[in-house]
Amino acid sequence: VIFAQSPTIIALPDGNLRDYFESLRYLKELVKEGFYTSLLSGHGVPIE
């Protein structure tokens, strides 16, 4: 979903940029609530 180093791909045919923006918004809400402090991505360094 997200990397520290660069953008991901919206992987067609089932990737969807509208859904992607919503997923970023959801992640932002979860982090803003203050409990989750890091994201562990599929490639590259953890997002601190």
All heavy atoms as atom14 arrays in JSON, in Angstrom:
{
  "sequence": "VIFAQSPTIIALPDGNLRDYFESLRYLKELVKEGFYTSLLSGHGVPIE",
  "atom14_mask": [
    [1, 1, 1, 1, 1, 1, 1, 0, 0, 0, 0, 0, 0, 0],
    [1, 1, 1, 1, 1, 1, 1, 1, 0, 0, 0, 0, 0, 0],
    [1, 1, 1, 1, 1, 1, 1, 1, 1, 1, 1, 0, 0, 0],
    [1, 1, 1, 1, 1, 0, 0, 0, 0, 0, 0, 0, 0, 0],
    [1, 1, 1, 1, 1, 1, 1, 1, 1, 0, 0, 0, 0, 0],
    [1, 1, 1, 1, 1, 1, 0, 0, 0, 0, 0, 0, 0, 0],
    [1, 1, 1, 1, 1, 1, 1, 0, 0, 0, 0, 0, 0, 0],
    [1, 1, 1, 1, 1, 1, 1, 0, 0, 0, 0, 0, 0, 0],
    [1, 1, 1, 1, 1, 1, 1, 1, 0, 0, 0, 0, 0, 0],
    [1, 1, 1, 1, 1, 1, 1, 1, 0, 0, 0, 0, 0, 0],
    [1, 1, 1, 1, 1, 0, 0, 0, 0, 0, 0, 0, 0, 0],
    [1, 1, 1, 1, 1, 1, 1, 1, 0, 0, 0, 0, 0, 0],
    [1, 1, 1, 1, 1, 1, 1, 0, 0, 0, 0, 0, 0, 0],
    [1, 1, 1, 1, 1, 1, 1, 1, 0, 0, 0, 0, 0, 0],
    [1, 1, 1, 1, 0, 0, 0, 0, 0, 0, 0, 0, 0, 0],
    [1, 1, 1, 1, 1, 1, 1, 1, 0, 0, 0, 0, 0, 0],
    [1, 1, 1, 1, 1, 1, 1, 1, 0, 0, 0, 0, 0, 0],
    [1, 1, 1, 1, 1, 1, 1, 1, 1, 1, 1, 0, 0, 0],
    [1, 1, 1, 1, 1, 1, 1, 1, 0, 0, 0, 0, 0, 0],
    [1, 1, 1, 1, 1, 1, 1, 1, 1, 1, 1, 1, 0, 0],
    [1, 1, 1, 1, 1, 1, 1, 1, 1, 1, 1, 0, 0, 0],
    [1, 1, 1, 1, 1, 1, 1, 1, 1, 0, 0, 0, 0, 0],
    [1, 1, 1, 1, 1, 1, 0, 0, 0, 0, 0, 0, 0, 0],
    [1, 1, 1, 1, 1, 1, 1, 1, 0, 0, 0, 0, 0, 0],
    [1, 1, 1, 1, 1, 1, 1, 1, 1, 1, 1, 0, 0, 0],
    [1, 1, 1, 1, 1, 1, 1, 1, 1, 1, 1, 1, 0, 0],
    [1, 1, 1, 1, 1, 1, 1, 1, 0, 0, 0, 0, 0, 0],
    [1, 1, 1, 1, 1, 1, 1, 1, 1, 0, 0, 0, 0, 0],
    [1, 1, 1, 1, 1, 1, 1, 1, 1, 0, 0, 0, 0, 0],
    [1, 1, 1, 1, 1, 1, 1, 1, 0, 0, 0, 0, 0, 0],
    [1, 1, 1, 1, 1, 1, 1, 0, 0, 0, 0, 0, 0, 0],
    [1, 1, 1, 1, 1, 1, 1, 1, 1, 0, 0, 0, 0, 0],
    [1, 1, 1, 1, 1, 1, 1, 1, 1, 0, 0, 0, 0, 0],
    [1, 1, 1, 1, 0, 0, 0, 0, 0, 0, 0, 0, 0, 0],
    [1, 1, 1, 1, 1, 1, 1, 1, 1, 1, 1, 0, 0, 0],
    [1, 1, 1, 1, 1, 1, 1, 1, 1, 1, 1, 1, 0, 0],
    [1, 1, 1, 1, 1, 1, 1, 0, 0, 0, 0, 0, 0, 0],
    [1, 1, 1, 1, 1, 1, 0, 0, 0, 0, 0, 0, 0, 0],
    [1, 1, 1, 1, 1, 1, 1, 1, 0, 0, 0, 0, 0, 0],
    [1, 1, 1, 1, 1, 1, 1, 1, 0, 0, 0, 0, 0, 0],
    [1, 1, 1, 1, 1, 1, 0, 0, 0, 0, 0, 0, 0, 0],
    [1, 1, 1, 1, 0, 0, 0, 0, 0, 0, 0, 0, 0, 0],
    [1, 1, 1, 1, 1, 1, 1, 1, 1, 1, 0, 0, 0, 0],
    [1, 1, 1, 1, 0, 0, 0, 0, 0, 0, 0, 0, 0, 0],
    [1, 1, 1, 1, 1, 1, 1, 0, 0, 0, 0, 0, 0, 0],
    [1, 1, 1, 1, 1, 1, 1, 0, 0, 0, 0, 0, 0, 0],
    [1, 1, 1, 1, 1, 1, 1, 1, 0, 0, 0, 0, 0, 0],
    [1, 1, 1, 1, 1, 1, 1, 1, 1, 0, 0, 0, 0, 0]
  ],
  "atom14_positions": [
    [[0.83, -1.21, 0.0], [0.0, 0.0, 0.0], [0.86, 1.25, 0.0], [0.57, 2.23, -0.7], [-0.95, 0.01, 1.22], [-1.73, 1.32, 1.28], [-1.91, -1.18, 1.15], [0.0, 0.0, 0.0], [0.0, 0.0, 0.0], [0.0, 0.0, 0.0], [0.0, 0.0, 0.0], [0.0, 0.0, 0.0], [0.0, 0.0, 0.0], [0.0, 0.0, 0.0]],
    [[1.94, 1.24, 0.77], [2.75, 2.44, 0.93], [4.18, 2.05, 1.25], [4.42, 1.06, 1.94], [2.17, 3.36, 2.02], [2.88, 4.7, 2.08], [2.16, 2.66, 3.37], [2.17, 5.73, 2.96], [0.0, 0.0, 0.0], [0.0, 0.0, 0.0], [0.0, 0.0, 0.0], [0.0, 0.0, 0.0], [0.0, 0.0, 0.0], [0.0, 0.0, 0.0]],
    [[5.13, 2.82, 0.69], [6.55, 2.6, 0.94], [7.2, 3.88, 1.45], [6.74, 4.98, 1.13], [7.27, 2.16, -0.34], [6.7, 0.94, -1.0], [6.37, 0.95, -2.34], [6.51, -0.22, -0.28], [5.85, -0.18, -2.95], [6.0, -1.36, -0.88], [5.67, -1.34, -2.23], [0.0, 0.0, 0.0], [0.0, 0.0, 0.0], [0.0, 0.0, 0.0]],
    [[8.29, 3.72, 2.17], [9.03, 4.89, 2.62], [9.8, 5.53, 1.47], [10.03, 6.73, 1.47], [10.02, 4.48, 3.72], [0.0, 0.0, 0.0], [0.0, 0.0, 0.0], [0.0, 0.0, 0.0], [0.0, 0.0, 0.0], [0.0, 0.0, 0.0], [0.0, 0.0, 0.0], [0.0, 0.0, 0.0], [0.0, 0.0, 0.0], [0.0, 0.0, 0.0]],
    [[10.17, 4.74, 0.47], [11.12, 5.2, -0.52], [10.51, 5.71, -1.83], [11.16, 6.47, -2.53], [12.13, 4.1, -0.84], [11.53, 2.83, -1.44], [10.97, 1.89, -0.41], [11.21, 2.07, 0.77], [10.24, 0.88, -0.84], [0.0, 0.0, 0.0], [0.0, 0.0, 0.0], [0.0, 0.0, 0.0], [0.0, 0.0, 0.0], [0.0, 0.0, 0.0]],
    [[9.32, 5.34, -2.16], [8.76, 5.76, -3.44], [7.32, 5.3, -3.58], [6.81, 4.58, -2.72], [9.6, 5.19, -4.59], [9.57, 3.79, -4.56], [0.0, 0.0, 0.0], [0.0, 0.0, 0.0], [0.0, 0.0, 0.0], [0.0, 0.0, 0.0], [0.0, 0.0, 0.0], [0.0, 0.0, 0.0], [0.0, 0.0, 0.0], [0.0, 0.0, 0.0]],
    [[6.64, 5.71, -4.65], [5.24, 5.31, -4.83], [5.11, 3.82, -5.14], [6.06, 3.18, -5.58], [4.77, 6.15, -6.03], [5.8, 7.19, -6.21], [7.09, 6.63, -5.7], [0.0, 0.0, 0.0], [0.0, 0.0, 0.0], [0.0, 0.0, 0.0], [0.0, 0.0, 0.0], [0.0, 0.0, 0.0], [0.0, 0.0, 0.0], [0.0, 0.0, 0.0]],
    [[3.92, 3.3, -4.91], [3.6, 1.94, -5.32], [2.94, 1.99, -6.7], [2.79, 3.07, -7.3], [2.68, 1.27, -4.29], [2.57, -0.12, -4.62], [1.29, 1.89, -4.25], [0.0, 0.0, 0.0], [0.0, 0.0, 0.0], [0.0, 0.0, 0.0], [0.0, 0.0, 0.0], [0.0, 0.0, 0.0], [0.0, 0.0, 0.0], [0.0, 0.0, 0.0]],
    [[2.54, 0.86, -7.18], [1.81, 0.78, -8.44], [0.34, 0.53, -8.16], [-0.01, -0.19, -7.21], [2.39, -0.31, -9.36], [1.78, -0.25, -10.76], [2.2, -1.69, -8.76], [2.44, -1.18, -11.75], [0.0, 0.0, 0.0], [0.0, 0.0, 0.0], [0.0, 0.0, 0.0], [0.0, 0.0, 0.0], [0.0, 0.0, 0.0], [0.0, 0.0, 0.0]],
    [[-0.52, 1.14, -8.94], [-1.95, 0.82, -8.9], [-2.14, -0.29, -9.93], [-2.21, -0.05, -11.13], [-2.81, 2.05, -9.24], [-2.44, 3.23, -8.34], [-4.3, 1.71, -9.11], [-2.59, 2.96, -6.85], [0.0, 0.0, 0.0], [0.0, 0.0, 0.0], [0.0, 0.0, 0.0], [0.0, 0.0, 0.0], [0.0, 0.0, 0.0], [0.0, 0.0, 0.0]],
    [[-2.15, -1.51, -9.45], [-1.96, -2.69, -10.29], [-3.25, -3.1, -11.0], [-4.03, -3.89, -10.47], [-1.42, -3.85, -9.45], [0.0, 0.0, 0.0], [0.0, 0.0, 0.0], [0.0, 0.0, 0.0], [0.0, 0.0, 0.0], [0.0, 0.0, 0.0], [0.0, 0.0, 0.0], [0.0, 0.0, 0.0], [0.0, 0.0, 0.0], [0.0, 0.0, 0.0]],
    [[-3.46, -2.56, -12.18], [-4.6, -2.96, -12.99], [-4.47, -4.44, -13.34], [-3.36, -4.96, -13.42], [-4.64, -2.1, -14.26], [-4.76, -0.58, -14.03], [-4.73, 0.15, -15.37], [-6.02, -0.24, -13.26], [0.0, 0.0, 0.0], [0.0, 0.0, 0.0], [0.0, 0.0, 0.0], [0.0, 0.0, 0.0], [0.0, 0.0, 0.0], [0.0, 0.0, 0.0]],
    [[-5.57, -5.17, -13.55], [-6.92, -4.61, -13.75], [-7.73, -4.36, -12.48], [-8.75, -3.69, -12.52], [-7.6, -5.7, -14.58], [-6.97, -6.97, -14.11], [-5.53, -6.63, -13.86], [0.0, 0.0, 0.0], [0.0, 0.0, 0.0], [0.0, 0.0, 0.0], [0.0, 0.0, 0.0], [0.0, 0.0, 0.0], [0.0, 0.0, 0.0], [0.0, 0.0, 0.0]],
    [[-7.3, -4.89, -11.33], [-8.13, -4.72, -10.14], [-7.61, -3.64, -9.2], [-8.23, -3.38, -8.17], [-8.3, -6.04, -9.39], [-6.99, -6.58, -8.83], [-5.94, -6.32, -9.43], [-7.02, -7.26, -7.8], [0.0, 0.0, 0.0], [0.0, 0.0, 0.0], [0.0, 0.0, 0.0], [0.0, 0.0, 0.0], [0.0, 0.0, 0.0], [0.0, 0.0, 0.0]],
    [[-6.5, -2.99, -9.53], [-6.1, -1.82, -8.77], [-7.0, -0.65, -9.11], [-7.55, -0.58, -10.22], [0.0, 0.0, 0.0], [0.0, 0.0, 0.0], [0.0, 0.0, 0.0], [0.0, 0.0, 0.0], [0.0, 0.0, 0.0], [0.0, 0.0, 0.0], [0.0, 0.0, 0.0], [0.0, 0.0, 0.0], [0.0, 0.0, 0.0], [0.0, 0.0, 0.0]],
    [[-7.16, 0.26, -8.17], [-8.1, 1.37, -8.38], [-7.64, 2.58, -7.59], [-7.5, 2.5, -6.37], [-9.51, 0.92, -7.94], [-10.56, 1.97, -8.18], [-10.6, 2.99, -7.51], [-11.43, 1.72, -9.15], [0.0, 0.0, 0.0], [0.0, 0.0, 0.0], [0.0, 0.0, 0.0], [0.0, 0.0, 0.0], [0.0, 0.0, 0.0], [0.0, 0.0, 0.0]],
    [[-7.39, 3.7, -8.28], [-6.85, 4.87, -7.61], [-7.84, 5.49, -6.64], [-7.45, 6.0, -5.58], [-6.4, 5.91, -8.65], [-5.67, 7.15, -8.11], [-4.47, 6.76, -7.26], [-5.25, 8.06, -9.25], [0.0, 0.0, 0.0], [0.0, 0.0, 0.0], [0.0, 0.0, 0.0], [0.0, 0.0, 0.0], [0.0, 0.0, 0.0], [0.0, 0.0, 0.0]],
    [[-9.12, 5.42, -6.96], [-10.13, 5.96, -6.04], [-10.1, 5.19, -4.73], [-10.11, 5.78, -3.64], [-11.5, 5.87, -6.7], [-12.51, 6.91, -6.24], [-13.71, 6.86, -7.15], [-14.65, 7.94, -6.87], [-15.72, 8.2, -7.6], [-15.99, 7.46, -8.67], [-16.53, 9.19, -7.29], [0.0, 0.0, 0.0], [0.0, 0.0, 0.0], [0.0, 0.0, 0.0]],
    [[-10.05, 3.87, -4.81], [-9.93, 3.03, -3.61], [-8.63, 3.31, -2.88], [-8.59, 3.3, -1.64], [-9.99, 1.55, -3.99], [-11.36, 1.1, -4.45], [-12.34, 1.82, -4.2], [-11.44, 0.02, -5.07], [0.0, 0.0, 0.0], [0.0, 0.0, 0.0], [0.0, 0.0, 0.0], [0.0, 0.0, 0.0], [0.0, 0.0, 0.0], [0.0, 0.0, 0.0]],
    [[-7.58, 3.55, -3.64], [-6.27, 3.79, -3.04], [-6.28, 5.06, -2.18], [-5.77, 5.06, -1.06], [-5.2, 3.9, -4.12], [-3.81, 4.03, -3.57], [-3.18, 2.95, -2.96], [-3.12, 5.24, -3.64], [-1.9, 3.07, -2.43], [-1.84, 5.36, -3.11], [-1.24, 4.27, -2.52], [0.01, 4.39, -1.98], [0.0, 0.0, 0.0], [0.0, 0.0, 0.0]],
    [[-6.86, 6.12, -2.69], [-6.97, 7.35, -1.9], [-7.75, 7.11, -0.61], [-7.41, 7.62, 0.46], [-7.65, 8.46, -2.71], [-6.73, 9.16, -3.67], [-7.11, 9.39, -4.97], [-5.5, 9.63, -3.26], [-6.26, 10.05, -5.86], [-4.65, 10.3, -4.12], [-5.03, 10.51, -5.43], [0.0, 0.0, 0.0], [0.0, 0.0, 0.0], [0.0, 0.0, 0.0]],
    [[-8.8, 6.3, -0.7], [-9.6, 5.99, 0.48], [-8.79, 5.18, 1.49], [-8.89, 5.4, 2.71], [-10.86, 5.23, 0.08], [-11.8, 4.88, 1.23], [-12.35, 6.11, 1.95], [-12.38, 7.21, 1.36], [-12.75, 5.95, 3.12], [0.0, 0.0, 0.0], [0.0, 0.0, 0.0], [0.0, 0.0, 0.0], [0.0, 0.0, 0.0], [0.0, 0.0, 0.0]],
    [[-7.97, 4.25, 1.0], [-7.14, 3.46, 1.91], [-6.1, 4.32, 2.61], [-5.84, 4.14, 3.81], [-6.45, 2.33, 1.13], [-7.4, 1.35, 0.73], [0.0, 0.0, 0.0], [0.0, 0.0, 0.0], [0.0, 0.0, 0.0], [0.0, 0.0, 0.0], [0.0, 0.0, 0.0], [0.0, 0.0, 0.0], [0.0, 0.0, 0.0], [0.0, 0.0, 0.0]],
    [[-5.51, 5.28, 1.89], [-4.57, 6.19, 2.53], [-5.27, 7.03, 3.6], [-4.72, 7.27, 4.68], [-3.93, 7.11, 1.48], [-2.95, 6.46, 0.5], [-2.41, 7.52, -0.46], [-1.81, 5.77, 1.22], [0.0, 0.0, 0.0], [0.0, 0.0, 0.0], [0.0, 0.0, 0.0], [0.0, 0.0, 0.0], [0.0, 0.0, 0.0], [0.0, 0.0, 0.0]],
    [[-6.48, 7.47, 3.29], [-7.25, 8.26, 4.25], [-7.53, 7.43, 5.52], [-7.4, 7.93, 6.65], [-8.56, 8.72, 3.63], [-9.4, 9.63, 4.54], [-10.84, 9.71, 4.07], [-11.5, 8.42, 4.12], [-11.95, 7.86, 5.24], [-11.81, 8.48, 6.41], [-12.56, 6.68, 5.21], [0.0, 0.0, 0.0], [0.0, 0.0, 0.0], [0.0, 0.0, 0.0]],
    [[-7.87, 6.17, 5.33], [-8.17, 5.29, 6.46], [-6.92, 5.08, 7.31], [-6.97, 5.16, 8.55], [-8.69, 3.96, 5.92], [-9.14, 2.97, 6.96], [-9.62, 3.38, 8.21], [-9.1, 1.6, 6.7], [-10.04, 2.45, 9.15], [-9.51, 0.67, 7.63], [-9.97, 1.1, 8.86], [-10.39, 0.19, 9.8], [0.0, 0.0, 0.0], [0.0, 0.0, 0.0]],
    [[-5.78, 4.83, 6.66], [-4.54, 4.67, 7.4], [-4.21, 5.94, 8.2], [-3.78, 5.87, 9.35], [-3.38, 4.37, 6.44], [-3.19, 2.92, 6.0], [-2.03, 2.83, 5.02], [-2.95, 1.99, 7.18], [0.0, 0.0, 0.0], [0.0, 0.0, 0.0], [0.0, 0.0, 0.0], [0.0, 0.0, 0.0], [0.0, 0.0, 0.0], [0.0, 0.0, 0.0]],
    [[-4.42, 7.08, 7.58], [-4.13, 8.34, 8.25], [-5.01, 8.49, 9.5], [-4.54, 8.92, 10.56], [-4.36, 9.52, 7.3], [-3.96, 10.86, 7.89], [-4.24, 12.0, 6.92], [-3.32, 11.99, 5.75], [-3.47, 13.2, 4.9], [0.0, 0.0, 0.0], [0.0, 0.0, 0.0], [0.0, 0.0, 0.0], [0.0, 0.0, 0.0], [0.0, 0.0, 0.0]],
    [[-6.28, 8.12, 9.39], [-7.18, 8.21, 10.54], [-6.7, 7.3, 11.67], [-6.69, 7.7, 12.85], [-8.6, 7.81, 10.13], [-9.33, 8.87, 9.32], [-10.76, 8.45, 9.02], [-11.14, 7.32, 9.4], [-11.48, 9.25, 8.4], [0.0, 0.0, 0.0], [0.0, 0.0, 0.0], [0.0, 0.0, 0.0], [0.0, 0.0, 0.0], [0.0, 0.0, 0.0]],
    [[-6.3, 6.08, 11.33], [-5.83, 5.14, 12.36], [-4.6, 5.67, 13.07], [-4.48, 5.58, 14.3], [-5.52, 3.79, 11.71], [-6.72, 2.96, 11.25], [-6.24, 1.69, 10.55], [-7.63, 2.59, 12.41], [0.0, 0.0, 0.0], [0.0, 0.0, 0.0], [0.0, 0.0, 0.0], [0.0, 0.0, 0.0], [0.0, 0.0, 0.0], [0.0, 0.0, 0.0]],
    [[-3.67, 6.24, 12.3], [-2.44, 6.76, 12.9], [-2.74, 8.0, 13.75], [-2.19, 8.17, 14.84], [-1.41, 7.08, 11.81], [-0.19, 7.77, 12.42], [-0.99, 5.81, 11.09], [0.0, 0.0, 0.0], [0.0, 0.0, 0.0], [0.0, 0.0, 0.0], [0.0, 0.0, 0.0], [0.0, 0.0, 0.0], [0.0, 0.0, 0.0], [0.0, 0.0, 0.0]],
    [[-3.63, 8.85, 13.26], [-3.96, 10.07, 14.01], [-4.61, 9.76, 15.35], [-4.52, 10.57, 16.28], [-4.89, 10.96, 13.17], [-4.17, 11.79, 12.12], [-5.14, 12.72, 11.42], [-4.41, 13.65, 10.47], [-5.34, 14.58, 9.78], [0.0, 0.0, 0.0], [0.0, 0.0, 0.0], [0.0, 0.0, 0.0], [0.0, 0.0, 0.0], [0.0, 0.0, 0.0]],
    [[-5.26, 8.62, 15.46], [-5.86, 8.24, 16.73], [-4.8, 8.02, 17.81], [-5.12, 7.99, 19.0], [-6.71, 6.99, 16.55], [-8.0, 7.25, 15.76], [-8.76, 5.97, 15.46], [-8.28, 4.87, 15.86], [-9.83, 6.05, 14.84], [0.0, 0.0, 0.0], [0.0, 0.0, 0.0], [0.0, 0.0, 0.0], [0.0, 0.0, 0.0], [0.0, 0.0, 0.0]],
    [[-3.55, 7.84, 17.39], [-2.45, 7.83, 18.34], [-1.94, 6.48, 18.79], [-0.92, 6.4, 19.49], [0.0, 0.0, 0.0], [0.0, 0.0, 0.0], [0.0, 0.0, 0.0], [0.0, 0.0, 0.0], [0.0, 0.0, 0.0], [0.0, 0.0, 0.0], [0.0, 0.0, 0.0], [0.0, 0.0, 0.0], [0.0, 0.0, 0.0], [0.0, 0.0, 0.0]],
    [[-2.6, 5.39, 18.42], [-2.15, 4.09, 18.91], [-1.07, 3.49, 18.01], [-0.03, 3.05, 18.5], [-3.32, 3.12, 19.02], [-2.93, 1.77, 19.57], [-2.66, 1.63, 20.92], [-2.81, 0.68, 18.75], [-2.27, 0.39, 21.44], [-2.42, -0.56, 19.25], [-2.15, -0.7, 20.6], [0.0, 0.0, 0.0], [0.0, 0.0, 0.0], [0.0, 0.0, 0.0]],
    [[-1.3, 3.48, 16.7], [-0.33, 2.88, 15.78], [0.75, 3.88, 15.42], [0.47, 5.01, 15.03], [-1.03, 2.37, 14.52], [-1.98, 1.23, 14.82], [-3.36, 1.43, 14.82], [-1.49, -0.03, 15.15], [-4.22, 0.39, 15.12], [-2.35, -1.07, 15.46], [-3.71, -0.86, 15.45], [-4.56, -1.88, 15.76], [0.0, 0.0, 0.0], [0.0, 0.0, 0.0]],
    [[1.99, 3.45, 15.56], [3.12, 4.38, 15.4], [4.04, 4.03, 14.23], [4.94, 4.8, 13.91], [3.96, 4.43, 16.68], [4.44, 3.11, 16.98], [3.13, 4.96, 17.84], [0.0, 0.0, 0.0], [0.0, 0.0, 0.0], [0.0, 0.0, 0.0], [0.0, 0.0, 0.0], [0.0, 0.0, 0.0], [0.0, 0.0, 0.0], [0.0, 0.0, 0.0]],
    [[3.85, 2.87, 13.61], [4.69, 2.51, 12.47], [3.92, 1.66, 11.48], [2.95, 0.98, 11.83], [5.96, 1.76, 12.94], [5.6, 0.52, 13.52], [0.0, 0.0, 0.0], [0.0, 0.0, 0.0], [0.0, 0.0, 0.0], [0.0, 0.0, 0.0], [0.0, 0.0, 0.0], [0.0, 0.0, 0.0], [0.0, 0.0, 0.0], [0.0, 0.0, 0.0]],
    [[4.37, 1.72, 10.22], [3.82, 0.91, 9.14], [4.92, 0.0, 8.63], [6.02, 0.46, 8.33], [3.29, 1.8, 8.01], [2.27, 2.87, 8.39], [1.88, 3.69, 7.16], [1.04, 2.27, 9.05], [0.0, 0.0, 0.0], [0.0, 0.0, 0.0], [0.0, 0.0, 0.0], [0.0, 0.0, 0.0], [0.0, 0.0, 0.0], [0.0, 0.0, 0.0]],
    [[4.63, -1.29, 8.53], [5.6, -2.28, 8.09], [5.25, -2.67, 6.66], [4.33, -3.44, 6.42], [5.58, -3.5, 9.01], [5.69, -3.2, 10.51], [5.67, -4.5, 11.32], [6.94, -2.39, 10.82], [0.0, 0.0, 0.0], [0.0, 0.0, 0.0], [0.0, 0.0, 0.0], [0.0, 0.0, 0.0], [0.0, 0.0, 0.0], [0.0, 0.0, 0.0]],
    [[5.99, -2.11, 5.71], [5.65, -2.29, 4.31], [6.21, -3.59, 3.74], [7.04, -4.25, 4.35], [6.14, -1.09, 3.49], [7.55, -1.01, 3.54], [0.0, 0.0, 0.0], [0.0, 0.0, 0.0], [0.0, 0.0, 0.0], [0.0, 0.0, 0.0], [0.0, 0.0, 0.0], [0.0, 0.0, 0.0], [0.0, 0.0, 0.0], [0.0, 0.0, 0.0]],
    [[5.77, -3.9, 2.54], [6.18, -5.15, 1.9], [7.57, -5.11, 1.29], [8.16, -6.16, 1.02], [0.0, 0.0, 0.0], [0.0, 0.0, 0.0], [0.0, 0.0, 0.0], [0.0, 0.0, 0.0], [0.0, 0.0, 0.0], [0.0, 0.0, 0.0], [0.0, 0.0, 0.0], [0.0, 0.0, 0.0], [0.0, 0.0, 0.0], [0.0, 0.0, 0.0]],
    [[8.09, -3.91, 1.09], [9.43, -3.74, 0.53], [10.06, -2.5, 1.14], [9.41, -1.48, 1.26], [9.37, -3.57, -0.99], [8.65, -4.67, -1.71], [9.25, -5.87, -2.02], [7.38, -4.75, -2.15], [8.36, -6.64, -2.64], [7.23, -5.99, -2.73], [0.0, 0.0, 0.0], [0.0, 0.0, 0.0], [0.0, 0.0, 0.0], [0.0, 0.0, 0.0]],
    [[11.3, -2.6, 1.52], [11.99, -1.44, 2.05], [11.83, -1.28, 3.54], [11.26, -2.12, 4.24], [0.0, 0.0, 0.0], [0.0, 0.0, 0.0], [0.0, 0.0, 0.0], [0.0, 0.0, 0.0], [0.0, 0.0, 0.0], [0.0, 0.0, 0.0], [0.0, 0.0, 0.0], [0.0, 0.0, 0.0], [0.0, 0.0, 0.0], [0.0, 0.0, 0.0]],
    [[12.33, -0.16, 4.04], [12.41, 0.07, 5.47], [11.04, 0.29, 6.1], [10.11, 0.75, 5.44], [13.31, 1.29, 5.77], [14.71, 1.05, 5.28], [12.73, 2.56, 5.13], [0.0, 0.0, 0.0], [0.0, 0.0, 0.0], [0.0, 0.0, 0.0], [0.0, 0.0, 0.0], [0.0, 0.0, 0.0], [0.0, 0.0, 0.0], [0.0, 0.0, 0.0]],
    [[10.9, -0.03, 7.39], [9.66, 0.31, 8.11], [9.45, 1.82, 8.09], [10.4, 2.6, 8.08], [9.93, -0.19, 9.53], [10.99, -1.23, 9.38], [11.85, -0.76, 8.25], [0.0, 0.0, 0.0], [0.0, 0.0, 0.0], [0.0, 0.0, 0.0], [0.0, 0.0, 0.0], [0.0, 0.0, 0.0], [0.0, 0.0, 0.0], [0.0, 0.0, 0.0]],
    [[8.19, 2.22, 8.1], [7.84, 3.64, 8.08], [7.6, 4.09, 9.51], [6.58, 3.75, 10.12], [6.6, 3.87, 7.2], [6.89, 3.42, 5.76], [6.16, 5.33, 7.24], [5.67, 3.35, 4.88], [0.0, 0.0, 0.0], [0.0, 0.0, 0.0], [0.0, 0.0, 0.0], [0.0, 0.0, 0.0], [0.0, 0.0, 0.0], [0.0, 0.0, 0.0]],
    [[8.54, 4.87, 10.04], [8.46, 5.3, 11.42], [7.79, 6.67, 11.57], [7.56, 7.13, 12.7], [9.86, 5.35, 12.04], [10.63, 4.03, 11.95], [10.0, 2.92, 12.77], [9.09, 3.2, 13.59], [10.41, 1.75, 12.6], [0.0, 0.0, 0.0], [0.0, 0.0, 0.0], [0.0, 0.0, 0.0], [0.0, 0.0, 0.0], [0.0, 0.0, 0.0]]
  ]
}
